[in-house]
Amino acid sequence: MVKQIKFKVDSLRTLTSPYKRTDKDESSLETIYYLLINMKDLPDDIPMDVNPRVPKMGTNVAKRLIKAVVEPETDFYINNRGIIIAAKSLSFNSAESEVTIDIGNQDDENDKFNYGILDGGHTYTAIIQNRDKIPKDIEKFVRMEVITNVVNITRLSDARNTSVQVSDIALFNLEDSFEDVRRAIQEQPYADKIAYKDNENKPISISELLRLMYAFDVEKYPDDNIAPIQSYSGKAQVFKRYRDAFKSVFYKSLTKQLPKLVDLYDLIEREVGDKYVEYKKNLGVSIPRFGAVKGVESVEKGTKTEFLENKTYYSVSSGYIYPIFGAFRSLLKIDEETGKVYWLYDPIEIWGEVGTSIVQNTFETSSNPQLAGKDKQLWLSNYRIVETQSLRKLLKARR
C-alpha cells in the first residue's frame, strides 16, 4: 500500500534542479524541499529502513540530542542538522500550510529501501520519544529536507552517511568477518587493492565485492518474480544482508564464487560497447555511436575496468551494467542437499551467446542509467533472456 504522510509545516522553500532548463528528461531530475516543522506536528510513523543504521538512543551523542529536545532553549532548528527524507513526491496545500509526502509502497522492498528517513534518524527518534517533555510554554522546531525523485539513493546515502556506514564495515572487519572474502580472492590480481578499513588508501571498497554477491543472492532472489536491485541502489542494505548471512553455508559458498563474478562483471564492462555496436548494426545503423549514449563516456586514450584494470575505451555507468550482470543469476543454483551453489552453465559462455540480446534489451528499455539500474522489469526481462538460453541448451543436451 502506498504510504502518504501529511503534516503541517511552519515554512517551506523549494529548490529545483539547475538542469531543468537544459534536460528534457525531467523524470531524472531531483527537487529539494526545505521545511521548518513544529516538533509537535512531526509525524510519528515515518519509516527509517533506508537509513544505514538503526538509531541507538543509549549513546552519549543520543543523550545530548534528547537533552537538546527537552531543554527550554529555542535554537534546536539552528544547531541541529535536521532530518533528511527521500520521497517519491511532495505536494503543498498553502491554504492549510500542510504538506503530503509520498514514500511509496513500504510493502515493496525496492520502495522500502529507497524512501523514508535517509539521515537524521537519531534526531527524529529523540523528538518522537521526548517531545511530550518539552515545556508547555515553548514551541520548538526542527529542519527537514525532503528530496524527491532520487534516482541514485546509493550516492545520496554515501554522501550523507559516509562516516557511519564505513565505520559499520570497519568494525565488522575488526572481527575478521571478511576472512572468507580474503581467502576467496587471495590469488586474484585485485586482492591487495581492496579497502577493508576506514580511510584505507586502496582503490576498491569491500562494499563493491559485496554488491556483486548480492546480485547473485539466489537464496533471497530465487526466480524472476523479484530482482536484487539493491545491489545497484542500496549499498547499506547489501552490507546488512552480508552481515546477517555471511556465516551460512549458502553465503560461504557464494563468497567462493567471487573470482567468477568479478571476471563476468569485468567482461561485461569491457564488451558492452561492442555488443551495443553489434545490435545497432543488426538493425541497419551504419555507424553506431555508443559514446553518445547518456551515461557512457568515450575515452580516446582508453581507461581501465574497475577490478581487473583491463583496457577499455568506454566508461559505462553501473546503472547499465548491473541489470545486465544480474541477469546471469538465473544460472546459479543451490544444491538442496548441501546448501552450496553451483553453475548450471558458465556465465562467461552464456554472455558470449546472448550478450548482444541483453544489451539490446537494456538500451532499448532505458536511455537513463540511473533509472535503468532501478528498473525492476528491465532486471527481470534480462534474467529471462539468460534463463531461456539455458533452457535451450538443456533441451539440446537431452536430444
Protein backbone atom coordinates (compact mmCIF):
# COMPACT_ATOMS: atom_id res chain seq x y z
CA MET A 1 0.00 0.00 0.00
CA VAL A 2 1.29 3.45 -0.95
CA LYS A 3 2.15 5.42 2.16
CA GLN A 4 1.44 9.14 2.24
CA ILE A 5 2.42 11.27 5.19
CA LYS A 6 0.53 14.50 5.83
CA PHE A 7 1.52 17.17 8.35
CA LYS A 8 1.62 20.91 8.94
CA VAL A 9 4.74 22.99 8.35
CA ASP A 10 5.74 26.42 9.56
CA SER A 11 7.51 27.26 6.32
CA LEU A 12 8.61 25.66 3.05
CA ARG A 13 11.15 26.57 0.38
CA THR A 14 11.73 24.78 -2.93
CA LEU A 15 14.99 24.30 -4.81
CA THR A 16 14.52 22.90 -8.32
CA SER A 17 17.25 21.22 -10.31
CA PRO A 18 19.52 23.66 -12.19
CA TYR A 19 19.45 21.17 -15.09
CA LYS A 20 15.71 21.57 -15.57
CA ARG A 21 16.30 24.26 -18.19
CA THR A 22 18.52 22.08 -20.37
CA ASP A 23 17.48 18.45 -19.68
CA LYS A 24 14.23 17.47 -21.36
CA ASP A 25 14.07 14.27 -19.31
CA GLU A 26 12.61 15.78 -16.15
CA SER A 27 11.98 12.29 -14.77
CA SER A 28 15.66 12.15 -13.86
CA LEU A 29 15.77 15.47 -12.03
CA GLU A 30 15.56 15.84 -8.27
CA THR A 31 13.75 18.59 -6.35
CA ILE A 32 14.77 19.63 -2.84
CA TYR A 33 12.24 20.98 -0.33
CA TYR A 34 13.36 22.72 2.86
CA LEU A 35 10.78 22.55 5.65
CA LEU A 36 10.59 24.01 9.14
CA ILE A 37 8.31 21.96 11.40
CA ASN A 38 6.99 22.39 14.89
CA MET A 39 8.11 19.29 16.78
CA LYS A 40 4.56 18.62 17.95
CA ASP A 41 3.44 18.34 14.28
CA LEU A 42 6.17 15.88 13.27
CA PRO A 43 4.51 12.56 12.21
CA ASP A 44 5.44 9.57 14.35
CA ASP A 45 5.25 6.95 11.59
CA ILE A 46 7.95 7.91 9.06
CA PRO A 47 9.87 4.72 8.10
CA MET A 48 13.65 4.53 8.50
CA ASP A 49 14.58 1.33 6.64
CA VAL A 50 16.52 3.31 4.03
CA ASN A 51 18.81 4.62 6.80
CA PRO A 52 22.15 2.74 7.01
CA ARG A 53 21.95 2.45 10.81
CA VAL A 54 19.18 1.83 13.33
CA PRO A 55 19.20 4.63 15.95
CA LYS A 56 20.84 3.69 19.25
CA MET A 57 19.50 6.04 21.86
CA GLY A 58 21.76 4.96 24.72
CA THR A 59 24.93 6.58 23.36
CA ASN A 60 26.35 9.87 24.64
CA VAL A 61 25.52 11.57 21.34
CA ALA A 62 21.90 10.40 21.56
CA LYS A 63 21.63 11.54 25.17
CA ARG A 64 22.83 15.02 24.16
CA LEU A 65 20.20 15.06 21.42
CA ILE A 66 17.47 14.17 23.89
CA LYS A 67 18.63 16.91 26.22
CA ALA A 68 18.54 19.40 23.34
CA VAL A 69 14.97 18.37 22.54
CA VAL A 70 13.58 18.82 26.06
CA GLU A 71 15.55 21.86 27.26
CA PRO A 72 13.79 25.27 27.17
CA GLU A 73 16.15 26.74 24.54
CA THR A 74 14.57 27.52 21.14
CA ASP A 75 17.62 27.22 18.87
CA PHE A 76 17.35 23.49 18.12
CA TYR A 77 16.47 24.08 14.46
CA ILE A 78 19.66 26.16 14.09
CA ASN A 79 22.08 23.85 15.91
CA ASN A 80 20.79 20.50 14.65
CA ARG A 81 21.36 19.28 11.08
CA GLY A 82 17.76 18.09 10.92
CA ILE A 83 16.08 15.20 9.16
CA ILE A 84 16.56 14.17 5.53
CA ILE A 85 13.86 12.24 3.69
CA ALA A 86 13.98 10.61 0.27
CA ALA A 87 10.47 10.63 -1.22
CA LYS A 88 8.64 9.94 -4.46
CA SER A 89 6.83 13.26 -4.40
CA LEU A 90 5.75 16.17 -2.21
CA SER A 91 2.68 18.38 -2.56
CA PHE A 92 1.90 21.53 -0.58
CA ASN A 93 -1.50 22.85 0.43
CA SER A 94 -0.76 26.53 1.01
CA ALA A 95 -4.22 27.23 2.42
CA GLU A 96 -3.67 24.75 5.25
CA SER A 97 0.16 25.07 5.40
CA GLU A 98 0.21 21.32 5.01
CA VAL A 99 2.49 19.01 3.02
CA THR A 100 1.80 15.49 1.78
CA ILE A 101 4.81 13.26 1.19
CA ASP A 102 4.59 10.08 -0.89
CA ILE A 103 7.14 7.49 0.27
CA GLY A 104 5.95 4.67 -1.94
CA ASN A 105 4.73 1.19 -1.12
CA GLN A 106 6.54 0.16 2.04
CA ASP A 107 5.49 -3.46 1.45
CA ASP A 108 7.63 -3.43 -1.70
CA GLU A 109 11.32 -3.98 -0.88
CA ASN A 110 12.53 -1.56 -3.54
CA ASP A 111 10.41 1.28 -2.18
CA LYS A 112 11.14 0.30 1.41
CA PHE A 113 14.87 0.73 0.90
CA ASN A 114 14.61 3.84 -1.28
CA TYR A 115 12.15 6.09 0.52
CA GLY A 116 11.98 7.32 4.09
CA ILE A 117 14.38 8.92 6.58
CA LEU A 118 17.79 8.75 4.95
CA ASP A 119 19.67 10.74 7.58
CA GLY A 120 18.73 12.20 10.94
CA GLY A 121 17.23 9.04 12.40
CA HIS A 122 18.62 9.82 15.85
CA THR A 123 17.20 13.34 15.71
CA TYR A 124 13.80 12.01 14.63
CA THR A 125 13.73 9.33 17.34
CA ALA A 126 14.84 11.76 20.04
CA ILE A 127 11.99 14.13 19.12
CA ILE A 128 9.25 11.49 18.81
CA GLN A 129 10.17 9.83 22.10
CA ASN A 130 10.65 13.02 24.13
CA ARG A 131 8.58 15.89 22.69
CA ASP A 132 5.95 15.48 25.40
CA LYS A 133 8.63 16.65 27.86
CA ILE A 134 9.14 19.99 26.14
CA PRO A 135 7.98 22.86 28.41
CA LYS A 136 4.37 23.65 27.53
CA ASP A 137 5.04 27.36 27.02
CA ILE A 138 7.82 26.66 24.49
CA GLU A 139 7.44 25.86 20.78
CA LYS A 140 10.43 24.04 19.27
CA PHE A 141 11.17 23.48 15.61
CA VAL A 142 13.22 21.07 13.54
CA ARG A 143 14.50 21.38 9.98
CA MET A 144 13.58 18.80 7.37
CA GLU A 145 14.99 18.34 3.90
CA VAL A 146 12.83 16.31 1.51
CA ILE A 147 14.44 15.21 -1.76
CA THR A 148 12.05 13.85 -4.36
CA ASN A 149 12.79 11.71 -7.40
CA VAL A 150 16.12 10.46 -6.01
CA VAL A 151 17.34 8.28 -8.86
CA ASN A 152 20.56 7.16 -7.16
CA ILE A 153 19.92 6.52 -3.49
CA THR A 154 23.36 4.91 -3.08
CA ARG A 155 25.25 8.07 -3.94
CA LEU A 156 22.98 10.20 -1.76
CA SER A 157 23.22 7.75 1.14
CA ASP A 158 27.00 7.59 0.83
CA ALA A 159 27.28 11.37 0.76
CA ARG A 160 25.07 11.88 3.83
CA ASN A 161 26.08 8.82 5.85
CA THR A 162 29.67 8.12 4.82
CA SER A 163 31.26 8.13 8.27
CA VAL A 164 28.53 5.96 9.77
CA GLN A 165 28.36 3.41 7.00
CA VAL A 166 32.10 2.95 6.61
CA SER A 167 32.51 2.62 10.37
CA ASP A 168 29.98 -0.22 10.40
CA ILE A 169 32.07 -2.08 7.82
CA ALA A 170 35.31 -1.22 9.61
CA LEU A 171 34.02 -2.56 12.93
CA PHE A 172 32.82 -5.68 11.14
CA ASN A 173 36.31 -6.10 9.71
CA LEU A 174 37.89 -5.94 13.18
CA GLU A 175 36.14 -9.22 13.97
CA ASP A 176 37.80 -10.88 10.93
CA SER A 177 34.34 -11.27 9.44
CA PHE A 178 35.66 -10.69 5.90
CA GLU A 179 38.10 -13.58 6.17
CA ASP A 180 36.07 -15.69 3.72
CA VAL A 181 36.27 -12.87 1.19
CA ARG A 182 40.03 -12.55 1.67
CA ARG A 183 40.52 -16.26 1.12
CA ALA A 184 38.28 -16.34 -1.94
CA ILE A 185 40.26 -13.63 -3.76
CA GLN A 186 43.75 -14.21 -2.36
CA GLU A 187 45.11 -15.38 -5.73
CA GLN A 188 43.42 -12.63 -7.74
CA PRO A 189 45.28 -9.57 -9.09
CA TYR A 190 42.97 -7.20 -7.17
CA ALA A 191 43.42 -8.93 -3.79
CA ASP A 192 45.69 -6.18 -2.45
CA LYS A 193 43.51 -3.38 -3.82
CA ILE A 194 40.50 -3.97 -1.57
CA ALA A 195 39.92 -1.44 1.24
CA TYR A 196 38.50 -3.11 4.36
CA LYS A 197 39.21 -0.26 6.81
CA ASP A 198 38.28 3.39 7.28
CA ASN A 199 40.37 5.75 5.12
CA GLU A 200 42.44 2.89 3.73
CA ASN A 201 44.33 4.12 0.68
CA LYS A 202 43.19 1.41 -1.72
CA PRO A 203 41.08 1.85 -4.86
CA ILE A 204 38.27 -0.70 -4.35
CA SER A 205 35.93 -0.73 -1.35
CA ILE A 206 34.93 -4.10 0.08
CA SER A 207 31.35 -2.97 -0.48
CA GLU A 208 31.87 -3.37 -4.25
CA LEU A 209 32.52 -7.09 -3.80
CA LEU A 210 29.51 -7.42 -1.51
CA ARG A 211 27.35 -5.82 -4.20
CA LEU A 212 28.45 -8.43 -6.73
CA MET A 213 27.43 -11.24 -4.37
CA TYR A 214 24.11 -9.60 -3.55
CA ALA A 215 23.25 -9.52 -7.26
CA PHE A 216 23.60 -13.33 -7.22
CA ASP A 217 21.85 -13.97 -3.92
CA VAL A 218 19.64 -16.78 -5.23
CA GLU A 219 18.52 -17.61 -1.71
CA LYS A 220 16.90 -14.19 -1.31
CA TYR A 221 16.05 -13.76 -5.02
CA PRO A 222 15.42 -17.28 -6.35
CA ASP A 223 13.46 -16.57 -9.54
CA ASP A 224 12.06 -13.98 -11.95
CA ASN A 225 9.44 -12.63 -9.57
CA ILE A 226 11.82 -10.31 -7.72
CA ALA A 227 15.16 -8.72 -8.57
CA PRO A 228 18.23 -7.77 -6.46
CA ILE A 229 18.00 -4.11 -7.45
CA GLN A 230 19.58 -3.12 -4.12
CA SER A 231 22.93 -4.36 -5.44
CA TYR A 232 22.87 -1.22 -7.57
CA SER A 233 20.84 1.21 -5.49
CA GLY A 234 21.17 0.21 -1.83
CA LYS A 235 24.71 -0.31 -0.61
CA ALA A 236 23.69 -0.15 3.07
CA GLN A 237 21.17 -2.96 2.58
CA VAL A 238 23.80 -5.02 0.78
CA PHE A 239 26.08 -4.82 3.81
CA LYS A 240 23.23 -5.66 6.19
CA ARG A 241 22.46 -8.80 4.18
CA TYR A 242 26.10 -9.91 4.25
CA ARG A 243 26.40 -9.20 7.97
CA ASP A 244 23.33 -11.32 8.69
CA ALA A 245 24.11 -14.19 6.32
CA PHE A 246 27.90 -14.49 5.93
CA LYS A 247 28.16 -17.49 8.28
CA SER A 248 25.52 -19.51 6.42
CA VAL A 249 26.50 -22.41 4.18
CA PHE A 250 24.93 -20.61 1.24
CA TYR A 251 26.84 -17.36 1.68
CA LYS A 252 30.14 -19.10 2.36
CA SER A 253 29.65 -20.98 -0.90
CA LEU A 254 28.59 -17.83 -2.75
CA THR A 255 31.68 -16.00 -1.48
CA LYS A 256 33.90 -18.61 -3.13
CA GLN A 257 32.37 -17.58 -6.46
CA LEU A 258 33.75 -14.03 -6.20
CA PRO A 259 36.54 -14.59 -8.77
CA LYS A 260 33.98 -15.78 -11.31
CA LEU A 261 31.64 -12.87 -10.51
CA VAL A 262 34.46 -10.37 -10.93
CA ASP A 263 35.51 -11.98 -14.22
CA LEU A 264 31.94 -11.72 -15.51
CA TYR A 265 31.49 -8.11 -14.39
CA ASP A 266 34.82 -7.16 -15.97
CA LEU A 267 33.93 -8.88 -19.24
CA ILE A 268 30.59 -7.08 -19.44
CA GLU A 269 32.28 -3.77 -18.62
CA ARG A 270 34.78 -4.32 -21.45
CA GLU A 271 32.44 -5.70 -24.10
CA VAL A 272 29.15 -3.86 -23.56
CA GLY A 273 30.20 -1.27 -26.15
CA ASP A 274 30.99 -3.95 -28.73
CA LYS A 275 27.64 -5.65 -28.11
CA TYR A 276 25.87 -2.31 -28.49
CA VAL A 277 27.55 -1.68 -31.84
CA GLU A 278 26.70 -5.22 -32.96
CA TYR A 279 22.99 -4.92 -32.20
CA LYS A 280 22.76 -1.48 -33.80
CA LYS A 281 24.41 -2.76 -36.99
CA ASN A 282 21.97 -5.68 -37.00
CA LEU A 283 19.21 -3.07 -37.09
CA GLY A 284 20.82 -1.34 -40.06
CA VAL A 285 22.60 1.53 -38.30
CA SER A 286 25.76 2.06 -40.33
CA ILE A 287 27.77 3.99 -37.73
CA PRO A 288 26.53 3.25 -34.16
CA ARG A 289 27.68 5.82 -31.60
CA PHE A 290 27.88 4.12 -28.21
CA GLY A 291 29.83 7.05 -26.78
CA ALA A 292 26.87 9.35 -27.42
CA VAL A 293 24.57 7.36 -25.10
CA LYS A 294 23.69 9.11 -21.84
CA GLY A 295 25.79 7.60 -19.04
CA VAL A 296 28.54 6.46 -21.42
CA GLU A 297 31.79 8.35 -21.87
CA SER A 298 34.06 7.66 -24.82
CA VAL A 299 37.70 7.79 -23.71
CA GLU A 300 40.02 8.31 -26.69
CA LYS A 301 43.20 7.15 -24.97
CA GLY A 302 41.40 4.42 -23.10
CA THR A 303 40.52 3.76 -19.47
CA LYS A 304 40.61 0.68 -17.22
CA THR A 305 37.95 -1.63 -15.82
CA GLU A 306 37.22 -1.40 -12.12
CA PHE A 307 38.57 -4.71 -10.82
CA LEU A 308 40.94 -6.28 -13.34
CA GLU A 309 42.14 -3.00 -14.88
CA ASN A 310 41.71 -4.22 -18.42
CA LYS A 311 41.81 -1.53 -21.06
CA THR A 312 38.53 -0.26 -22.45
CA TYR A 313 37.58 2.80 -24.46
CA TYR A 314 34.28 3.46 -22.74
CA SER A 315 33.42 4.44 -19.20
CA VAL A 316 29.94 2.96 -18.66
CA SER A 317 27.61 3.77 -15.78
CA SER A 318 26.97 0.86 -13.43
CA GLY A 319 23.27 1.63 -13.86
CA TYR A 320 23.50 -0.11 -17.22
CA ILE A 321 25.93 -2.82 -16.17
CA TYR A 322 24.14 -4.15 -13.08
CA PRO A 323 20.84 -5.12 -14.80
CA ILE A 324 22.98 -6.97 -17.38
CA PHE A 325 25.29 -8.56 -14.81
CA GLY A 326 22.39 -9.59 -12.57
CA ALA A 327 20.69 -11.45 -15.42
CA PHE A 328 23.18 -14.31 -15.04
CA ARG A 329 21.81 -15.04 -11.58
CA SER A 330 19.47 -17.44 -13.38
CA LEU A 331 22.47 -19.74 -13.98
CA LEU A 332 23.37 -20.06 -10.28
CA LYS A 333 21.63 -22.86 -8.38
CA ILE A 334 21.59 -24.15 -4.80
CA ASP A 335 22.21 -27.84 -4.16
CA GLU A 336 19.27 -28.92 -1.98
CA GLU A 337 21.36 -31.46 -0.05
CA THR A 338 24.47 -29.42 0.69
CA GLY A 339 23.13 -25.85 0.52
CA LYS A 340 26.09 -24.90 -1.67
CA VAL A 341 25.86 -23.15 -5.03
CA TYR A 342 26.84 -24.39 -8.48
CA TRP A 343 26.62 -23.06 -12.04
CA LEU A 344 24.13 -24.59 -14.44
CA TYR A 345 26.31 -23.17 -17.23
CA ASP A 346 29.41 -20.97 -17.24
CA PRO A 347 28.12 -17.36 -17.29
CA ILE A 348 31.10 -16.32 -19.42
CA GLU A 349 29.99 -18.81 -22.08
CA ILE A 350 26.37 -17.65 -21.96
CA TRP A 351 27.41 -13.99 -22.18
CA GLY A 352 29.07 -14.83 -25.49
CA GLU A 353 25.82 -16.37 -26.72
CA VAL A 354 23.20 -13.84 -25.59
CA GLY A 355 25.19 -10.75 -24.64
CA THR A 356 24.05 -8.83 -27.70
CA SER A 357 20.39 -9.58 -26.96
CA ILE A 358 20.72 -8.48 -23.33
CA VAL A 359 22.49 -5.27 -24.29
CA GLN A 360 19.82 -4.53 -26.89
CA ASN A 361 17.06 -5.12 -24.34
CA THR A 362 18.81 -2.89 -21.81
CA PHE A 363 19.43 0.11 -24.04
CA GLU A 364 16.07 -0.10 -25.78
CA THR A 365 14.34 -0.20 -22.40
CA SER A 366 16.05 2.84 -20.89
CA SER A 367 18.33 5.65 -22.03
CA ASN A 368 18.95 6.83 -18.47
CA PRO A 369 21.43 4.71 -16.47
CA GLN A 370 20.14 5.75 -13.06
CA LEU A 371 16.61 4.77 -13.98
CA ALA A 372 17.82 1.58 -15.70
CA GLY A 373 19.62 0.44 -12.56
CA LYS A 374 16.36 0.65 -10.60
CA ASP A 375 14.04 -0.72 -13.28
CA LYS A 376 12.64 -3.99 -11.92
CA GLN A 377 11.11 -5.01 -15.23
CA LEU A 378 14.44 -4.50 -17.01
CA TRP A 379 16.22 -6.70 -14.47
CA LEU A 380 13.60 -9.42 -14.84
CA SER A 381 13.44 -9.33 -18.64
CA ASN A 382 17.24 -9.63 -18.85
CA TYR A 383 17.06 -12.53 -16.38
CA ARG A 384 14.56 -14.29 -18.64
CA ILE A 385 16.82 -13.92 -21.68
CA VAL A 386 19.59 -15.81 -19.89
CA GLU A 387 17.16 -18.33 -18.41
CA THR A 388 15.66 -19.06 -21.83
CA GLN A 389 19.11 -19.64 -23.30
CA SER A 390 19.99 -22.11 -20.52
CA LEU A 391 16.73 -23.99 -21.11
CA ARG A 392 17.53 -24.21 -24.82
CA LYS A 393 20.89 -25.73 -24.01
CA LEU A 394 19.36 -28.21 -21.58
CA LEU A 395 16.82 -29.37 -24.19
CA LYS A 396 19.51 -29.67 -26.83
CA ALA A 397 21.68 -31.74 -24.50
CA ARG A 398 18.81 -34.19 -23.87
CA ARG A 399 18.16 -34.87 -27.55
